[in-house]
Amino acid sequence: MGATFGSTILGFLREIISAKFYGTQWQMDTYLAAAMIPTILFGVFNGALTSALVPTFSEYLASGRREEAWRLGSTVVNLLAIVLTLCAVLGFFLAPWFVPLIAHGFPKPQLGVAIRMTRWLMPSIVAVALSGVLSGILNAFAQFRSASIVGMTLNVVTITCVVVLNHHYGIYALVAGTSLGLVAQMLVQVPSFLALGGYSFTLDLRHPGLRKMWELLGPITLGSSAGQLSLFFDRYFASTLPAGYIAGMSYAQKLVNFPLQIFAVAIATVIFPLLAMQFVKDDRSGVARSAITGLRLVNFITIPSVCALIVLARPIVSTLFERGHFGPTSVDLTVGLLPYAAFSLVALAANVVLTRCLVACRQIRWQVFVSILTVVLNVALSITWLPTLGARGLLLANSVSQTVQMIALLLLVACFVAEIDWGALLGSMVKIASCALVMVAVLYWVSSLGVAPQTSLAERVWFLFGQIAIGGLVFIALARMLDVEELSLAWRAIMAKFERNIIAPPENRDAPIT
């Protein structure tokens, strides 16, 4: 979680620098459209391959067949390297045909720039896929450190390229930084991967684990692809809007991803191998406890985060982004979009945990069916709301469809996993929501006092920090008064990381982060 926090901070610095140099200009819209290909592949491969590989790989390890596990892992790595290198070459030459499908609303000169950017990014798809596989194998060995710093590596390389090369290459400095950063995040995992001692130049296409993986991979790929299709349609519809809206939507979604990446993804990453092991050992009650604990913890973070993003939208956007080419017009654009993006945070975080739970339990087909229905609902709502609400309609469609998916996945988990403690989950949500509502009231009262920061960055940062601190203290104090269990659970988990050779009490042994 600490590494993820550092990565997210650097990611924010990357967005701040990008906003300073490129703002919400058409060049930034073009870059975001061109980056769709590696973004979609990143989502598909990191979701599908990791989700299919970890349970299969873990099953071999749990049964003591380490050599067979490594033959499977080596085969997957080598096969991907060969196949995706060919795909990258094809993608380079076919870019003029598939890029217009994404950016169909761009004028021809802008479309030509998008094609050129896409070609620059094509080689990175090999690194994207291999990075996901290496992370999955490392996670199966409960090795999270090197896999968790990939985001930091990507952001450091991207920031360096933009700062150093922007004067000469403009927006292409960001394109080059992204491509090189994606390669670097694969390379940073290689030493830890090789240190495990099992990799070889093996290509065993008849390995029985490949068949098991394929049985999982087909449905998971459909599910992951369905999720990435929502992002595709966002770009597709947004390309018809005036210049700047794609960039504005991206900045708003990046703000929403801040708590999502720090907490929800970190919790789900740790919980996934645990769920897989519990399922292999037929510990269904352990799976249920781990899943509910994960949901309660992400709710404890995301519900107040949604409230803070809505109430403090203007000071957050202004403090983080308002400089250089990101002027008052860009601030107003992003502030107007942020609440519609923030509504999806709770559902997005819950879906990360619920999806990992279903995959660990080998329940894939219904999950894929729900994912496909979610995309269909998202597209239908986008078409309905785009003419009247514009970009706000696209973000609202995402939020509604993600919420529907969360409810459906939760019902699926309840069907496949016994002993779901509904009372604990609902009671926790009520307490957390009550604390968050009081926090909102206090923040609105503070804003009504009419106190405004000076124009300097230091004053704005201090003012925003004060508002966040007030809201956070109010929320934590109320959570303490209402005896919200997630507060003490999170605190015990953090403190346990500083202790050595202390066994957790039996009742907490199945908690996903202890």
Protein backbone atom coordinates (compact mmCIF):
# COMPACT_ATOMS: atom_id res chain seq x y z
CA MET A 1 0.00 0.00 0.00
CA GLY A 2 2.91 2.32 0.73
CA ALA A 3 4.44 1.65 -2.68
CA THR A 4 1.04 2.16 -4.30
CA PHE A 5 0.69 5.44 -2.43
CA GLY A 6 4.08 6.58 -3.73
CA SER A 7 3.11 5.54 -7.24
CA THR A 8 -0.15 7.44 -7.01
CA ILE A 9 1.60 10.56 -5.73
CA LEU A 10 4.03 10.38 -8.64
CA GLY A 11 1.08 9.75 -10.95
CA PHE A 12 -0.48 12.94 -9.68
CA LEU A 13 2.78 14.77 -10.26
CA ARG A 14 2.77 13.40 -13.81
CA GLU A 15 -0.77 14.70 -14.33
CA ILE A 16 0.16 18.07 -12.81
CA ILE A 17 3.11 18.40 -15.18
CA SER A 18 1.01 17.26 -18.15
CA ALA A 19 -1.67 19.80 -17.21
CA LYS A 20 0.93 22.56 -16.98
CA PHE A 21 2.41 21.86 -20.42
CA TYR A 22 -0.67 20.68 -22.35
CA GLY A 23 -3.79 21.67 -20.33
CA THR A 24 -7.02 20.72 -22.07
CA GLN A 25 -5.75 21.51 -25.57
CA TRP A 26 -6.48 19.37 -28.61
CA GLN A 27 -3.00 17.82 -28.42
CA MET A 28 -3.86 16.27 -25.05
CA ASP A 29 -7.15 14.93 -26.43
CA THR A 30 -5.20 13.37 -29.29
CA TYR A 31 -2.67 11.73 -26.99
CA LEU A 32 -5.42 10.23 -24.82
CA ALA A 33 -7.10 8.78 -27.91
CA ALA A 34 -3.82 7.33 -29.18
CA ALA A 35 -3.03 5.83 -25.78
CA MET A 36 -6.24 3.79 -25.93
CA ILE A 37 -4.55 0.78 -27.55
CA PRO A 38 -1.92 0.15 -24.84
CA THR A 39 -4.46 1.16 -22.19
CA ILE A 40 -6.98 -1.41 -23.39
CA LEU A 41 -4.31 -4.09 -23.71
CA PHE A 42 -3.00 -3.22 -20.26
CA GLY A 43 -6.49 -3.71 -18.82
CA VAL A 44 -7.13 -6.93 -20.69
CA PHE A 45 -3.77 -8.62 -20.11
CA ASN A 46 -3.26 -7.50 -16.53
CA GLY A 47 -6.81 -8.50 -15.73
CA ALA A 48 -7.27 -11.63 -17.84
CA LEU A 49 -3.80 -13.16 -17.83
CA THR A 50 -3.13 -12.46 -14.17
CA SER A 51 -6.57 -13.71 -13.15
CA ALA A 52 -6.13 -16.92 -15.14
CA LEU A 53 -2.48 -17.52 -14.26
CA VAL A 54 -2.52 -16.91 -10.49
CA PRO A 55 -5.15 -19.56 -9.54
CA THR A 56 -3.58 -22.16 -11.87
CA PHE A 57 -0.03 -21.36 -10.79
CA SER A 58 -1.09 -21.31 -7.11
CA GLU A 59 -2.78 -24.70 -7.47
CA TYR A 60 0.48 -26.28 -8.65
CA LEU A 61 2.41 -24.61 -5.82
CA ALA A 62 -0.15 -25.63 -3.20
CA SER A 63 0.13 -29.27 -4.29
CA GLY A 64 3.94 -29.19 -4.18
CA ARG A 65 4.47 -29.36 -7.97
CA ARG A 66 6.85 -26.41 -8.18
CA GLU A 67 8.66 -27.58 -11.32
CA GLU A 68 5.40 -27.97 -13.24
CA ALA A 69 4.31 -24.54 -12.05
CA TRP A 70 7.48 -22.99 -13.44
CA ARG A 71 7.19 -24.79 -16.77
CA LEU A 72 3.75 -23.25 -17.07
CA GLY A 73 4.92 -19.77 -16.06
CA SER A 74 7.93 -19.88 -18.39
CA THR A 75 5.80 -21.06 -21.30
CA VAL A 76 3.32 -18.21 -20.80
CA VAL A 77 6.09 -15.59 -20.63
CA ASN A 78 7.92 -16.89 -23.71
CA LEU A 79 4.79 -17.40 -25.79
CA LEU A 80 3.53 -13.89 -25.05
CA ALA A 81 6.87 -12.34 -25.96
CA ILE A 82 6.74 -14.00 -29.40
CA VAL A 83 3.06 -13.45 -30.21
CA LEU A 84 2.83 -9.85 -29.03
CA THR A 85 5.99 -8.79 -30.83
CA LEU A 86 4.28 -9.87 -34.06
CA CYS A 87 1.10 -8.03 -32.98
CA ALA A 88 3.08 -4.85 -32.32
CA VAL A 89 4.58 -4.96 -35.81
CA LEU A 90 1.14 -5.50 -37.35
CA GLY A 91 -0.33 -2.72 -35.22
CA PHE A 92 2.34 -0.29 -36.44
CA PHE A 93 1.38 -0.81 -40.08
CA LEU A 94 -2.38 -1.12 -39.52
CA ALA A 95 -2.70 2.03 -37.38
CA PRO A 96 -4.29 4.09 -40.22
CA TRP A 97 -7.17 1.60 -40.28
CA PHE A 98 -8.01 1.10 -36.60
CA VAL A 99 -7.22 4.52 -35.07
CA PRO A 100 -10.16 6.19 -36.90
CA LEU A 101 -12.47 3.71 -35.15
CA ILE A 102 -11.49 5.27 -31.81
CA ALA A 103 -11.17 8.93 -32.83
CA HIS A 104 -13.86 9.06 -35.50
CA GLY A 105 -14.87 12.59 -34.50
CA PHE A 106 -11.40 14.12 -34.99
CA PRO A 107 -10.70 16.28 -38.07
CA LYS A 108 -8.20 14.78 -40.55
CA PRO A 109 -5.09 16.70 -39.37
CA GLN A 110 -5.73 15.69 -35.76
CA LEU A 111 -6.44 12.13 -36.84
CA GLY A 112 -3.06 12.00 -38.59
CA VAL A 113 -1.34 13.05 -35.37
CA ALA A 114 -3.26 10.34 -33.46
CA ILE A 115 -2.05 7.69 -35.94
CA ARG A 116 1.56 8.84 -35.56
CA MET A 117 1.30 8.77 -31.75
CA THR A 118 -0.23 5.28 -31.83
CA ARG A 119 2.70 3.99 -33.86
CA TRP A 120 5.10 5.39 -31.28
CA LEU A 121 3.22 3.50 -28.57
CA MET A 122 2.91 0.15 -30.36
CA PRO A 123 6.16 -1.45 -29.08
CA SER A 124 5.01 -0.92 -25.51
CA ILE A 125 2.20 -3.50 -25.79
CA VAL A 126 4.76 -6.31 -25.42
CA ALA A 127 6.04 -4.81 -22.19
CA VAL A 128 2.50 -4.20 -20.92
CA ALA A 129 1.48 -7.84 -21.25
CA LEU A 130 4.73 -9.27 -19.87
CA SER A 131 4.58 -6.86 -16.94
CA GLY A 132 1.15 -8.23 -16.01
CA VAL A 133 2.33 -11.84 -16.17
CA LEU A 134 5.44 -11.16 -14.09
CA SER A 135 3.28 -9.41 -11.49
CA GLY A 136 0.92 -12.39 -11.39
CA ILE A 137 3.72 -14.90 -10.80
CA LEU A 138 5.33 -12.71 -8.14
CA ASN A 139 1.95 -12.31 -6.42
CA ALA A 140 1.50 -16.09 -6.40
CA PHE A 141 4.70 -16.28 -4.32
CA ALA A 142 3.38 -13.47 -2.08
CA GLN A 143 6.12 -11.21 -3.48
CA PHE A 144 4.37 -7.84 -3.79
CA ARG A 145 7.16 -5.28 -3.49
CA SER A 146 8.70 -5.18 -6.95
CA ALA A 147 5.30 -5.60 -8.61
CA SER A 148 3.93 -2.70 -6.56
CA ILE A 149 6.58 -0.22 -7.72
CA VAL A 150 5.85 -0.59 -11.43
CA GLY A 151 3.62 2.47 -11.29
CA MET A 152 6.38 4.51 -9.66
CA THR A 153 8.77 3.49 -12.43
CA LEU A 154 6.30 4.40 -15.16
CA ASN A 155 5.64 7.80 -13.63
CA VAL A 156 9.31 8.66 -13.00
CA VAL A 157 10.28 7.86 -16.60
CA THR A 158 7.29 9.74 -18.04
CA ILE A 159 7.88 12.83 -15.90
CA THR A 160 11.58 12.90 -16.80
CA CYS A 161 10.87 12.67 -20.52
CA VAL A 162 8.25 15.44 -20.42
CA VAL A 163 10.43 17.83 -18.42
CA VAL A 164 13.57 17.20 -20.48
CA LEU A 165 12.14 16.78 -23.98
CA ASN A 166 9.02 18.97 -24.07
CA HIS A 167 10.89 22.06 -25.25
CA HIS A 168 11.99 20.26 -28.43
CA TYR A 169 9.24 17.72 -29.07
CA GLY A 170 6.06 19.11 -27.47
CA ILE A 171 3.32 16.55 -26.87
CA TYR A 172 5.53 13.81 -28.34
CA ALA A 173 7.67 14.05 -25.21
CA LEU A 174 4.65 12.67 -23.32
CA VAL A 175 4.18 9.94 -25.93
CA ALA A 176 7.83 8.88 -25.73
CA GLY A 177 7.76 9.01 -21.92
CA THR A 178 4.71 6.76 -21.81
CA SER A 179 6.21 4.19 -24.16
CA LEU A 180 9.56 4.10 -22.37
CA GLY A 181 7.84 4.05 -18.97
CA LEU A 182 5.77 1.01 -19.89
CA VAL A 183 8.95 -0.83 -20.88
CA ALA A 184 10.65 0.25 -17.65
CA GLN A 185 7.83 -1.08 -15.47
CA MET A 186 8.40 -4.52 -16.97
CA LEU A 187 12.18 -4.36 -16.54
CA VAL A 188 11.93 -3.36 -12.87
CA GLN A 189 10.25 -6.70 -12.09
CA VAL A 190 12.75 -8.86 -13.95
CA PRO A 191 15.37 -9.12 -11.14
CA SER A 192 12.80 -10.28 -8.56
CA PHE A 193 11.26 -12.65 -11.09
CA LEU A 194 14.61 -14.23 -11.97
CA ALA A 195 15.58 -14.39 -8.29
CA LEU A 196 12.76 -16.89 -7.74
CA GLY A 197 14.98 -19.32 -9.65
CA GLY A 198 12.43 -21.16 -11.75
CA TYR A 199 12.32 -19.39 -15.11
CA SER A 200 13.66 -21.14 -18.21
CA PHE A 201 13.47 -20.75 -22.00
CA THR A 202 10.73 -23.36 -22.11
CA LEU A 203 7.87 -23.46 -24.61
CA ASP A 204 5.75 -26.43 -23.51
CA LEU A 205 2.57 -25.98 -25.54
CA ARG A 206 1.22 -29.32 -24.24
CA HIS A 207 1.46 -28.40 -20.59
CA PRO A 208 -1.86 -29.39 -18.91
CA GLY A 209 -1.86 -26.07 -17.05
CA LEU A 210 -2.29 -24.22 -20.35
CA ARG A 211 -5.60 -26.01 -20.88
CA LYS A 212 -6.72 -25.06 -17.38
CA MET A 213 -5.63 -21.49 -18.03
CA TRP A 214 -7.44 -21.43 -21.36
CA GLU A 215 -10.67 -22.59 -19.71
CA LEU A 216 -10.38 -19.58 -17.43
CA LEU A 217 -8.77 -17.21 -19.93
CA GLY A 218 -11.51 -17.27 -22.53
CA PRO A 219 -14.30 -16.07 -20.23
CA ILE A 220 -11.97 -13.76 -18.29
CA THR A 221 -10.73 -12.15 -21.50
CA LEU A 222 -14.31 -11.50 -22.52
CA GLY A 223 -14.99 -9.97 -19.12
CA SER A 224 -11.84 -7.85 -19.16
CA SER A 225 -12.47 -6.79 -22.74
CA ALA A 226 -16.00 -5.83 -21.83
CA GLY A 227 -14.65 -3.55 -19.14
CA GLN A 228 -12.16 -1.95 -21.54
CA LEU A 229 -14.92 -1.44 -24.10
CA SER A 230 -16.48 1.09 -21.75
CA LEU A 231 -13.28 3.12 -21.95
CA PHE A 232 -13.26 2.73 -25.74
CA PHE A 233 -16.80 4.04 -26.03
CA ASP A 234 -15.95 6.96 -23.73
CA ARG A 235 -13.24 8.04 -26.18
CA TYR A 236 -15.45 7.22 -29.15
CA PHE A 237 -18.34 9.40 -27.99
CA ALA A 238 -16.14 12.11 -26.47
CA SER A 239 -14.26 12.58 -29.76
CA THR A 240 -17.41 14.28 -31.09
CA LEU A 241 -17.38 16.89 -28.28
CA PRO A 242 -15.51 20.21 -28.44
CA ALA A 243 -11.74 20.17 -27.87
CA GLY A 244 -10.70 19.71 -24.26
CA TYR A 245 -13.47 17.44 -23.02
CA ILE A 246 -11.49 14.21 -23.39
CA ALA A 247 -8.69 15.76 -21.35
CA GLY A 248 -11.16 17.14 -18.77
CA MET A 249 -12.75 13.72 -18.34
CA SER A 250 -9.31 12.18 -17.96
CA TYR A 251 -8.26 14.62 -15.23
CA ALA A 252 -11.51 14.02 -13.34
CA GLN A 253 -11.13 10.25 -13.58
CA LYS A 254 -7.51 10.46 -12.42
CA LEU A 255 -8.68 12.24 -9.26
CA VAL A 256 -11.20 9.45 -8.66
CA ASN A 257 -8.50 6.83 -9.21
CA PHE A 258 -6.34 8.29 -6.44
CA PRO A 259 -8.09 6.53 -3.51
CA LEU A 260 -8.98 3.60 -5.79
CA GLN A 261 -5.36 2.84 -6.61
CA ILE A 262 -3.99 3.47 -3.13
CA PHE A 263 -6.43 1.34 -1.17
CA ALA A 264 -8.85 -0.77 -3.22
CA VAL A 265 -6.33 -2.18 -5.70
CA ALA A 266 -3.75 -2.74 -2.96
CA ILE A 267 -6.26 -4.63 -0.80
CA ALA A 268 -7.50 -6.68 -3.78
CA THR A 269 -3.94 -7.52 -4.85
CA VAL A 270 -3.13 -8.93 -1.42
CA ILE A 271 -6.48 -10.67 -1.00
CA PHE A 272 -6.46 -12.45 -4.38
CA PRO A 273 -3.80 -15.15 -3.68
CA LEU A 274 -5.35 -15.63 -0.21
CA LEU A 275 -8.79 -16.24 -1.74
CA ALA A 276 -7.30 -18.64 -4.30
CA MET A 277 -5.54 -20.65 -1.58
CA GLN A 278 -8.65 -20.70 0.62
CA PHE A 279 -10.76 -21.97 -2.28
CA VAL A 280 -8.21 -24.68 -3.17
CA LYS A 281 -8.34 -25.83 0.47
CA ASP A 282 -12.17 -25.74 0.32
CA ASP A 283 -12.30 -23.13 3.08
CA ARG A 284 -15.54 -21.47 1.90
CA SER A 285 -16.17 -19.69 5.20
CA GLY A 286 -12.66 -18.23 4.98
CA VAL A 287 -13.38 -17.00 1.45
CA ALA A 288 -16.59 -15.36 2.67
CA ARG A 289 -14.87 -13.63 5.59
CA SER A 290 -11.99 -12.41 3.45
CA ALA A 291 -14.30 -11.05 0.74
CA ILE A 292 -16.57 -9.22 3.20
CA THR A 293 -13.57 -7.83 5.08
CA GLY A 294 -12.16 -6.51 1.80
CA LEU A 295 -15.48 -4.87 0.90
CA ARG A 296 -15.83 -3.25 4.30
CA LEU A 297 -12.32 -1.86 4.17
CA VAL A 298 -12.71 -0.34 0.69
CA ASN A 299 -16.07 1.14 1.71
CA PHE A 300 -14.39 2.74 4.71
CA ILE A 301 -12.04 4.55 2.31
CA THR A 302 -14.20 5.23 -0.74
CA ILE A 303 -17.46 6.51 0.78
CA PRO A 304 -15.85 9.54 2.52
CA SER A 305 -13.58 9.99 -0.52
CA VAL A 306 -16.59 10.43 -2.81
CA CYS A 307 -18.01 13.06 -0.48
CA ALA A 308 -14.70 14.92 -0.29
CA LEU A 309 -14.22 14.89 -4.07
CA ILE A 310 -17.67 16.44 -4.57
CA VAL A 311 -17.53 19.05 -1.81
CA LEU A 312 -13.90 20.06 -2.40
CA ALA A 313 -13.91 19.73 -6.20
CA ARG A 314 -12.82 23.31 -6.95
CA PRO A 315 -9.99 23.65 -4.42
CA ILE A 316 -8.70 20.17 -5.37
CA VAL A 317 -8.64 20.86 -9.12
CA SER A 318 -7.35 24.41 -8.71
CA THR A 319 -4.55 23.44 -6.33
CA LEU A 320 -3.36 20.43 -8.28
CA PHE A 321 -3.68 21.57 -11.87
CA GLU A 322 -4.13 25.35 -12.29
CA ARG A 323 -0.85 26.51 -13.81
CA GLY A 324 0.66 26.98 -17.27
CA HIS A 325 -1.78 25.95 -20.00
CA PHE A 326 -4.32 24.74 -17.41
CA GLY A 327 -6.12 28.01 -16.80
CA PRO A 328 -9.48 29.03 -15.26
CA THR A 329 -11.41 27.62 -18.24
CA SER A 330 -9.79 24.22 -17.77
CA VAL A 331 -10.50 24.41 -14.02
CA ASP A 332 -14.19 25.11 -14.62
CA LEU A 333 -14.40 22.27 -17.14
CA THR A 334 -12.83 19.70 -14.83
CA VAL A 335 -14.73 20.87 -11.72
CA GLY A 336 -18.00 20.47 -13.58
CA LEU A 337 -17.14 16.88 -14.52
CA LEU A 338 -15.61 15.67 -11.25
CA PRO A 339 -18.84 14.97 -9.27
CA TYR A 340 -20.19 12.79 -12.08
CA ALA A 341 -16.96 10.79 -12.13
CA ALA A 342 -16.81 10.55 -8.32
CA PHE A 343 -20.15 8.74 -8.07
CA SER A 344 -18.53 5.62 -9.53
CA LEU A 345 -15.77 5.29 -6.91
CA VAL A 346 -17.55 3.05 -4.39
CA ALA A 347 -18.75 0.66 -7.10
CA LEU A 348 -15.37 0.59 -8.86
CA ALA A 349 -13.56 -0.32 -5.64
CA ALA A 350 -16.11 -2.97 -4.67
CA ASN A 351 -15.99 -4.49 -8.15
CA VAL A 352 -12.21 -4.94 -7.89
CA VAL A 353 -12.66 -7.06 -4.75
CA LEU A 354 -15.75 -8.93 -5.96
CA THR A 355 -14.20 -9.77 -9.33
CA ARG A 356 -11.08 -11.18 -7.67
CA CYS A 357 -13.27 -13.24 -5.36
CA LEU A 358 -15.25 -14.80 -8.21
CA VAL A 359 -12.11 -15.55 -10.23
CA ALA A 360 -10.43 -17.16 -7.23
CA CYS A 361 -13.52 -19.35 -6.84
CA ARG A 362 -13.43 -20.28 -10.55
CA GLN A 363 -16.82 -18.68 -11.15
CA ILE A 364 -16.10 -16.89 -14.42
CA ARG A 365 -19.00 -17.26 -16.86
CA TRP A 366 -21.61 -15.40 -14.84
CA GLN A 367 -19.11 -12.68 -14.09
CA VAL A 368 -18.46 -12.28 -17.83
CA PHE A 369 -22.19 -12.16 -18.50
CA VAL A 370 -22.57 -9.36 -15.95
CA SER A 371 -19.62 -7.47 -17.47
CA ILE A 372 -21.12 -7.65 -20.95
CA LEU A 373 -24.50 -6.44 -19.69
CA THR A 374 -22.72 -3.58 -17.92
CA VAL A 375 -21.11 -2.45 -21.17
CA VAL A 376 -24.42 -2.63 -23.00
CA LEU A 377 -26.07 -0.58 -20.26
CA ASN A 378 -23.20 1.92 -20.31
CA VAL A 379 -23.43 2.40 -24.08
CA ALA A 380 -27.23 2.75 -23.96
CA LEU A 381 -27.05 5.35 -21.19
CA SER A 382 -24.23 7.20 -22.97
CA ILE A 383 -26.25 7.44 -26.18
CA THR A 384 -29.26 8.64 -24.16
CA TRP A 385 -27.46 11.27 -22.09
CA LEU A 386 -24.77 12.48 -24.52
CA PRO A 387 -27.03 14.89 -26.50
CA THR A 388 -28.25 16.68 -23.35
CA LEU A 389 -25.48 16.25 -20.78
CA GLY A 390 -22.39 15.88 -22.99
CA ALA A 391 -19.32 14.64 -21.13
CA ARG A 392 -21.24 14.68 -17.85
CA GLY A 393 -23.64 12.15 -19.36
CA LEU A 394 -20.76 9.85 -20.31
CA LEU A 395 -19.37 9.94 -16.76
CA LEU A 396 -22.81 9.48 -15.22
CA ALA A 397 -23.43 6.49 -17.50
CA ASN A 398 -20.20 4.96 -16.22
CA SER A 399 -21.22 5.53 -12.60
CA VAL A 400 -24.70 4.03 -12.99
CA SER A 401 -23.50 1.00 -14.94
CA GLN A 402 -20.69 0.32 -12.44
CA THR A 403 -23.19 0.47 -9.57
CA VAL A 404 -25.48 -2.02 -11.31
CA GLN A 405 -22.47 -4.29 -11.88
CA MET A 406 -21.52 -4.06 -8.19
CA ILE A 407 -24.97 -5.19 -7.09
CA ALA A 408 -25.01 -8.06 -9.58
CA LEU A 409 -21.51 -9.27 -8.60
CA LEU A 410 -22.36 -9.12 -4.92
CA LEU A 411 -25.40 -11.33 -5.51
CA LEU A 412 -23.23 -13.76 -7.48
CA VAL A 413 -20.71 -13.99 -4.65
CA ALA A 414 -23.57 -14.66 -2.24
CA CYS A 415 -24.75 -17.52 -4.47
CA PHE A 416 -21.35 -19.20 -4.82
CA VAL A 417 -19.85 -18.53 -1.37
CA ALA A 418 -21.61 -19.63 1.80
CA GLU A 419 -21.95 -17.72 5.06
CA ILE A 420 -22.00 -14.15 3.74
CA ASP A 421 -22.44 -11.87 6.75
CA TRP A 422 -24.99 -9.42 5.32
CA GLY A 423 -25.62 -7.82 8.67
CA ALA A 424 -21.99 -6.90 9.16
CA LEU A 425 -21.70 -5.48 5.63
CA LEU A 426 -24.90 -3.41 5.71
CA GLY A 427 -24.34 -2.23 9.26
CA SER A 428 -20.85 -1.12 8.36
CA MET A 429 -22.08 0.80 5.32
CA VAL A 430 -24.74 2.63 7.35
CA LYS A 431 -22.23 3.70 9.98
CA ILE A 432 -19.66 4.81 7.40
CA ALA A 433 -22.26 6.73 5.38
CA SER A 434 -23.53 8.46 8.52
CA CYS A 435 -20.01 9.61 9.41
CA ALA A 436 -19.44 10.79 5.83
CA LEU A 437 -22.69 12.83 5.78
CA VAL A 438 -21.71 14.67 8.97
CA MET A 439 -18.30 15.31 7.43
CA VAL A 440 -20.00 16.83 4.36
CA ALA A 441 -22.09 19.12 6.55
CA VAL A 442 -18.98 20.33 8.38
CA LEU A 443 -17.11 20.97 5.13
CA TYR A 444 -20.04 22.93 3.70
CA TRP A 445 -20.14 24.98 6.90
CA VAL A 446 -16.42 25.71 6.61
CA SER A 447 -16.81 26.81 2.99
CA SER A 448 -19.73 29.08 3.95
CA LEU A 449 -17.42 31.12 6.20
CA GLY A 450 -16.13 32.84 3.08
CA VAL A 451 -12.44 32.21 3.77
CA ALA A 452 -10.49 31.98 0.51
CA PRO A 453 -6.80 31.21 -0.08
CA GLN A 454 -4.35 33.60 -1.68
CA THR A 455 -3.24 33.05 -5.26
CA SER A 456 0.13 31.52 -4.36
CA LEU A 457 0.53 27.77 -4.62
CA ALA A 458 1.69 27.44 -1.02
CA GLU A 459 -1.44 29.21 0.25
CA ARG A 460 -3.73 27.05 -1.87
CA VAL A 461 -1.99 23.85 -0.77
CA TRP A 462 -2.24 24.84 2.89
CA PHE A 463 -5.90 25.81 2.51
CA LEU A 464 -6.76 22.50 0.81
CA PHE A 465 -4.78 20.55 3.40
CA GLY A 466 -6.71 22.29 6.17
CA GLN A 467 -10.07 21.40 4.64
CA ILE A 468 -9.06 17.77 4.11
CA ALA A 469 -7.67 17.58 7.65
CA ILE A 470 -10.89 18.98 9.14
CA GLY A 471 -13.03 16.54 7.15
CA GLY A 472 -10.76 13.61 7.96
CA LEU A 473 -10.67 14.35 11.68
CA VAL A 474 -14.45 14.71 11.84
CA PHE A 475 -14.93 11.42 9.98
CA ILE A 476 -12.43 9.50 12.13
CA ALA A 477 -13.79 10.95 15.37
CA LEU A 478 -17.34 9.93 14.47
CA ALA A 479 -16.15 6.50 13.33
CA ARG A 480 -14.53 6.10 16.72
CA MET A 481 -17.69 7.20 18.54
CA LEU A 482 -19.87 4.82 16.51
CA ASP A 483 -17.36 1.99 17.02
CA VAL A 484 -16.79 1.46 13.28
CA GLU A 485 -14.81 -1.78 13.26
CA GLU A 486 -12.97 -0.96 10.01
CA LEU A 487 -11.14 1.88 11.75
CA SER A 488 -9.59 -0.41 14.35
CA LEU A 489 -9.04 -3.21 11.80
CA ALA A 490 -7.13 -0.86 9.49
CA TRP A 491 -5.10 0.49 12.42
CA ARG A 492 -4.20 -2.99 13.68
CA ALA A 493 -3.19 -4.05 10.19
CA ILE A 494 -0.91 -1.04 9.78
CA MET A 495 0.66 -1.46 13.20
CA ALA A 496 1.21 -5.19 12.58
CA LYS A 497 3.56 -4.32 9.72
CA PHE A 498 5.95 -2.75 12.22
CA GLU A 499 6.00 -5.80 14.48
CA ARG A 500 8.11 -8.91 14.00
CA ASN A 501 7.47 -12.56 14.83
CA ILE A 502 4.05 -11.89 16.34
CA ILE A 503 1.30 -14.30 15.33
CA ALA A 504 -2.08 -12.76 14.65
CA PRO A 505 -4.89 -13.83 16.99
CA PRO A 506 -6.92 -16.80 15.69
CA GLU A 507 -10.05 -14.78 14.94
CA ASN A 508 -8.06 -12.53 12.59
CA ARG A 509 -6.11 -15.26 10.85
CA ASP A 510 -8.27 -15.13 7.71
CA ALA A 511 -8.34 -11.33 7.41
CA PRO A 512 -6.95 -10.42 4.00
CA ILE A 513 -4.39 -7.83 5.08
CA THR A 514 -3.14 -9.10 8.46
